[in-house]
Amino acid sequence: MTHSRHIDSTSLQAYRYRVHLLARELWQEKNPLKRLNISLQLADATTHLARLEAETLQEQYGEDFERILQNGEKLKKTIPQENSYEKSKSPSL
Protein backbone atom coordinates (compact mmCIF):
# COMPACT_ATOMS: atom_id res chain seq x y z
CA MET A 1 0.00 0.00 0.00
CA THR A 2 1.41 3.38 -1.00
CA HIS A 3 0.93 6.30 1.34
CA SER A 4 0.69 9.75 -0.13
CA ARG A 5 0.95 12.86 1.96
CA HIS A 6 -0.18 16.21 0.62
CA ILE A 7 1.32 19.47 1.76
CA ASP A 8 0.34 23.06 1.07
CA SER A 9 2.15 24.01 -2.15
CA THR A 10 2.83 27.50 -0.78
CA SER A 11 4.37 26.33 2.50
CA LEU A 12 7.99 26.65 3.59
CA GLN A 13 8.35 22.87 3.52
CA ALA A 14 7.00 22.68 -0.06
CA TYR A 15 9.46 25.33 -1.28
CA ARG A 16 12.39 23.61 0.44
CA TYR A 17 11.38 20.38 -1.26
CA ARG A 18 10.86 22.12 -4.64
CA VAL A 19 14.32 23.74 -4.50
CA HIS A 20 15.90 20.42 -3.58
CA LEU A 21 14.23 18.60 -6.48
CA LEU A 22 14.97 21.31 -9.03
CA ALA A 23 18.65 21.38 -7.99
CA ARG A 24 18.90 17.61 -8.44
CA GLU A 25 17.12 17.80 -11.78
CA LEU A 26 19.49 20.55 -12.94
CA TRP A 27 22.55 18.42 -12.14
CA GLN A 28 21.13 15.44 -14.02
CA GLU A 29 19.88 17.25 -17.14
CA LYS A 30 22.05 17.06 -20.26
CA ASN A 31 20.05 19.28 -22.63
CA PRO A 32 21.27 22.92 -22.37
CA LEU A 33 17.85 24.39 -23.18
CA LYS A 34 16.18 22.28 -20.50
CA ARG A 35 18.93 23.25 -18.03
CA LEU A 36 18.18 26.91 -18.77
CA ASN A 37 14.50 26.38 -18.06
CA ILE A 38 15.21 24.44 -14.86
CA SER A 39 17.68 27.16 -13.75
CA LEU A 40 15.05 29.85 -14.16
CA GLN A 41 12.53 27.80 -12.16
CA LEU A 42 15.17 27.14 -9.50
CA ALA A 43 16.03 30.85 -9.23
CA ASP A 44 12.37 31.73 -8.78
CA ALA A 45 11.77 28.99 -6.20
CA THR A 46 14.96 29.87 -4.29
CA THR A 47 14.04 33.55 -4.14
CA HIS A 48 10.60 32.71 -2.80
CA LEU A 49 12.11 30.25 -0.31
CA ALA A 50 14.47 32.94 0.99
CA ARG A 51 11.50 35.24 1.58
CA LEU A 52 9.61 32.51 3.44
CA GLU A 53 12.68 31.72 5.57
CA ALA A 54 13.03 35.43 6.43
CA GLU A 55 9.34 35.65 7.36
CA THR A 56 9.72 32.61 9.60
CA LEU A 57 12.73 34.13 11.37
CA GLN A 58 10.95 37.46 11.73
CA GLU A 59 7.96 35.74 13.32
CA GLN A 60 10.22 33.82 15.68
CA TYR A 61 12.49 36.71 16.71
CA GLY A 62 10.11 39.64 16.43
CA GLU A 63 11.77 42.97 17.22
CA ASP A 64 15.23 41.39 17.47
CA PHE A 65 15.11 40.28 13.84
CA GLU A 66 16.60 43.44 12.29
CA ARG A 67 19.34 43.65 14.93
CA ILE A 68 20.26 40.01 14.39
CA LEU A 69 20.48 40.52 10.62
CA GLN A 70 22.54 43.70 10.87
CA ASN A 71 24.96 42.39 13.48
CA GLY A 72 25.27 38.88 12.07
CA GLU A 73 24.51 37.46 15.50
CA LYS A 74 24.27 33.76 16.01
CA LEU A 75 20.75 32.55 16.59
CA LYS A 76 19.96 31.21 20.04
CA LYS A 77 16.61 29.72 19.16
CA THR A 78 16.16 27.02 16.58
CA ILE A 79 13.23 26.45 14.32
CA PRO A 80 11.78 23.00 14.91
CA GLN A 81 12.35 20.64 12.02
CA GLU A 82 10.00 17.92 10.91
CA ASN A 83 10.52 14.69 12.82
CA SER A 84 12.37 11.81 11.15
CA TYR A 85 9.12 10.01 10.32
CA GLU A 86 7.85 13.05 8.45
CA LYS A 87 11.17 13.43 6.61
CA SER A 88 11.12 9.82 5.42
CA LYS A 89 7.83 10.31 3.58
CA SER A 90 7.81 11.94 0.16
CA PRO A 91 5.20 14.70 0.03
CA SER A 92 3.04 15.21 -3.01
CA LEU A 93 3.07 18.75 -4.34
C-alpha atoms as a PDB file:
ATOM      1  CA  MET A   1       0.000   0.000   0.000  1.00  0.00           C
ATOM      2  CA  THR A   2       1.407   3.377  -0.999  1.00  0.00           C
ATOM      3  CA  HIS A   3       0.929   6.304   1.338  1.00  0.00           C
ATOM      4  CA  SER A   4       0.694   9.754  -0.134  1.00  0.00           C
ATOM      5  CA  ARG A   5       0.948  12.864   1.960  1.00  0.00           C
ATOM      6  CA  HIS A   6      -0.183  16.210   0.623  1.00  0.00           C
ATOM      7  CA  ILE A   7       1.321  19.474   1.761  1.00  0.00           C
ATOM      8  CA  ASP A   8       0.336  23.057   1.071  1.00  0.00           C
ATOM      9  CA  SER A   9       2.152  24.012  -2.150  1.00  0.00           C
ATOM     10  CA  THR A  10       2.832  27.503  -0.778  1.00  0.00           C
ATOM     11  CA  SER A  11       4.372  26.333   2.502  1.00  0.00           C
ATOM     12  CA  LEU A  12       7.987  26.651   3.590  1.00  0.00           C
ATOM     13  CA  GLN A  13       8.347  22.871   3.516  1.00  0.00           C
ATOM     14  CA  ALA A  14       7.000  22.685  -0.058  1.00  0.00           C
ATOM     15  CA  TYR A  15       9.456  25.328  -1.280  1.00  0.00           C
ATOM     16  CA  ARG A  16      12.390  23.606   0.437  1.00  0.00           C
ATOM     17  CA  TYR A  17      11.384  20.379  -1.265  1.00  0.00           C
ATOM     18  CA  ARG A  18      10.863  22.115  -4.637  1.00  0.00           C
ATOM     19  CA  VAL A  19      14.317  23.744  -4.496  1.00  0.00           C
ATOM     20  CA  HIS A  20      15.903  20.416  -3.579  1.00  0.00           C
ATOM     21  CA  LEU A  21      14.234  18.597  -6.476  1.00  0.00           C
ATOM     22  CA  LEU A  22      14.975  21.310  -9.026  1.00  0.00           C
ATOM     23  CA  ALA A  23      18.648  21.383  -7.989  1.00  0.00           C
ATOM     24  CA  ARG A  24      18.897  17.607  -8.442  1.00  0.00           C
ATOM     25  CA  GLU A  25      17.119  17.802 -11.777  1.00  0.00           C
ATOM     26  CA  LEU A  26      19.488  20.547 -12.941  1.00  0.00           C
ATOM     27  CA  TRP A  27      22.555  18.417 -12.141  1.00  0.00           C
ATOM     28  CA  GLN A  28      21.127  15.439 -14.015  1.00  0.00           C
ATOM     29  CA  GLU A  29      19.875  17.254 -17.142  1.00  0.00           C
ATOM     30  CA  LYS A  30      22.054  17.056 -20.262  1.00  0.00           C
ATOM     31  CA  ASN A  31      20.053  19.278 -22.632  1.00  0.00           C
ATOM     32  CA  PRO A  32      21.267  22.923 -22.367  1.00  0.00           C
ATOM     33  CA  LEU A  33      17.848  24.388 -23.183  1.00  0.00           C
ATOM     34  CA  LYS A  34      16.176  22.276 -20.501  1.00  0.00           C
ATOM     35  CA  ARG A  35      18.930  23.254 -18.029  1.00  0.00           C
ATOM     36  CA  LEU A  36      18.185  26.906 -18.772  1.00  0.00           C
ATOM     37  CA  ASN A  37      14.497  26.383 -18.060  1.00  0.00           C
ATOM     38  CA  ILE A  38      15.206  24.444 -14.859  1.00  0.00           C
ATOM     39  CA  SER A  39      17.678  27.157 -13.754  1.00  0.00           C
ATOM     40  CA  LEU A  40      15.046  29.846 -14.162  1.00  0.00           C
ATOM     41  CA  GLN A  41      12.533  27.796 -12.159  1.00  0.00           C
ATOM     42  CA  LEU A  42      15.173  27.144  -9.498  1.00  0.00           C
ATOM     43  CA  ALA A  43      16.027  30.847  -9.231  1.00  0.00           C
ATOM     44  CA  ASP A  44      12.368  31.735  -8.779  1.00  0.00           C
ATOM     45  CA  ALA A  45      11.765  28.994  -6.197  1.00  0.00           C
ATOM     46  CA  THR A  46      14.958  29.866  -4.293  1.00  0.00           C
ATOM     47  CA  THR A  47      14.042  33.552  -4.138  1.00  0.00           C
ATOM     48  CA  HIS A  48      10.598  32.715  -2.801  1.00  0.00           C
ATOM     49  CA  LEU A  49      12.107  30.251  -0.306  1.00  0.00           C
ATOM     50  CA  ALA A  50      14.468  32.943   0.989  1.00  0.00           C
ATOM     51  CA  ARG A  51      11.502  35.240   1.580  1.00  0.00           C
ATOM     52  CA  LEU A  52       9.612  32.509   3.437  1.00  0.00           C
ATOM     53  CA  GLU A  53      12.679  31.722   5.567  1.00  0.00           C
ATOM     54  CA  ALA A  54      13.028  35.428   6.429  1.00  0.00           C
ATOM     55  CA  GLU A  55       9.344  35.652   7.364  1.00  0.00           C
ATOM     56  CA  THR A  56       9.721  32.609   9.600  1.00  0.00           C
ATOM     57  CA  LEU A  57      12.728  34.132  11.371  1.00  0.00           C
ATOM     58  CA  GLN A  58      10.949  37.456  11.730  1.00  0.00           C
ATOM     59  CA  GLU A  59       7.957  35.738  13.316  1.00  0.00           C
ATOM     60  CA  GLN A  60      10.222  33.820  15.678  1.00  0.00           C
ATOM     61  CA  TYR A  61      12.493  36.708  16.709  1.00  0.00           C
ATOM     62  CA  GLY A  62      10.114  39.642  16.425  1.00  0.00           C
ATOM     63  CA  GLU A  63      11.766  42.966  17.220  1.00  0.00           C
ATOM     64  CA  ASP A  64      15.232  41.394  17.473  1.00  0.00           C
ATOM     65  CA  PHE A  65      15.110  40.277  13.844  1.00  0.00           C
ATOM     66  CA  GLU A  66      16.597  43.444  12.294  1.00  0.00           C
ATOM     67  CA  ARG A  67      19.341  43.655  14.926  1.00  0.00           C
ATOM     68  CA  ILE A  68      20.259  40.014  14.388  1.00  0.00           C
ATOM     69  CA  LEU A  69      20.480  40.523  10.616  1.00  0.00           C
ATOM     70  CA  GLN A  70      22.537  43.700  10.866  1.00  0.00           C
ATOM     71  CA  ASN A  71      24.965  42.385  13.479  1.00  0.00           C
ATOM     72  CA  GLY A  72      25.266  38.882  12.070  1.00  0.00           C
ATOM     73  CA  GLU A  73      24.515  37.460  15.496  1.00  0.00           C
ATOM     74  CA  LYS A  74      24.274  33.761  16.011  1.00  0.00           C
ATOM     75  CA  LEU A  75      20.755  32.545  16.588  1.00  0.00           C
ATOM     76  CA  LYS A  76      19.962  31.208  20.040  1.00  0.00           C
ATOM     77  CA  LYS A  77      16.612  29.723  19.163  1.00  0.00           C
ATOM     78  CA  THR A  78      16.157  27.025  16.576  1.00  0.00           C
ATOM     79  CA  ILE A  79      13.234  26.453  14.321  1.00  0.00           C
ATOM     80  CA  PRO A  80      11.782  23.005  14.910  1.00  0.00           C
ATOM     81  CA  GLN A  81      12.354  20.643  12.018  1.00  0.00           C
ATOM     82  CA  GLU A  82      10.003  17.917  10.907  1.00  0.00           C
ATOM     83  CA  ASN A  83      10.520  14.694  12.823  1.00  0.00           C
ATOM     84  CA  SER A  84      12.370  11.814  11.153  1.00  0.00           C
ATOM     85  CA  TYR A  85       9.121  10.012  10.324  1.00  0.00           C
ATOM     86  CA  GLU A  86       7.850  13.054   8.445  1.00  0.00           C
ATOM     87  CA  LYS A  87      11.174  13.425   6.606  1.00  0.00           C
ATOM     88  CA  SER A  88      11.115   9.819   5.421  1.00  0.00           C
ATOM     89  CA  LYS A  89       7.830  10.312   3.582  1.00  0.00           C
ATOM     90  CA  SER A  90       7.809  11.944   0.163  1.00  0.00           C
ATOM     91  CA  PRO A  91       5.199  14.703   0.030  1.00  0.00           C
ATOM     92  CA  SER A  92       3.037  15.211  -3.008  1.00  0.00           C
ATOM     93  CA  LEU A  93       3.066  18.746  -4.336  1.00  0.00           C
END
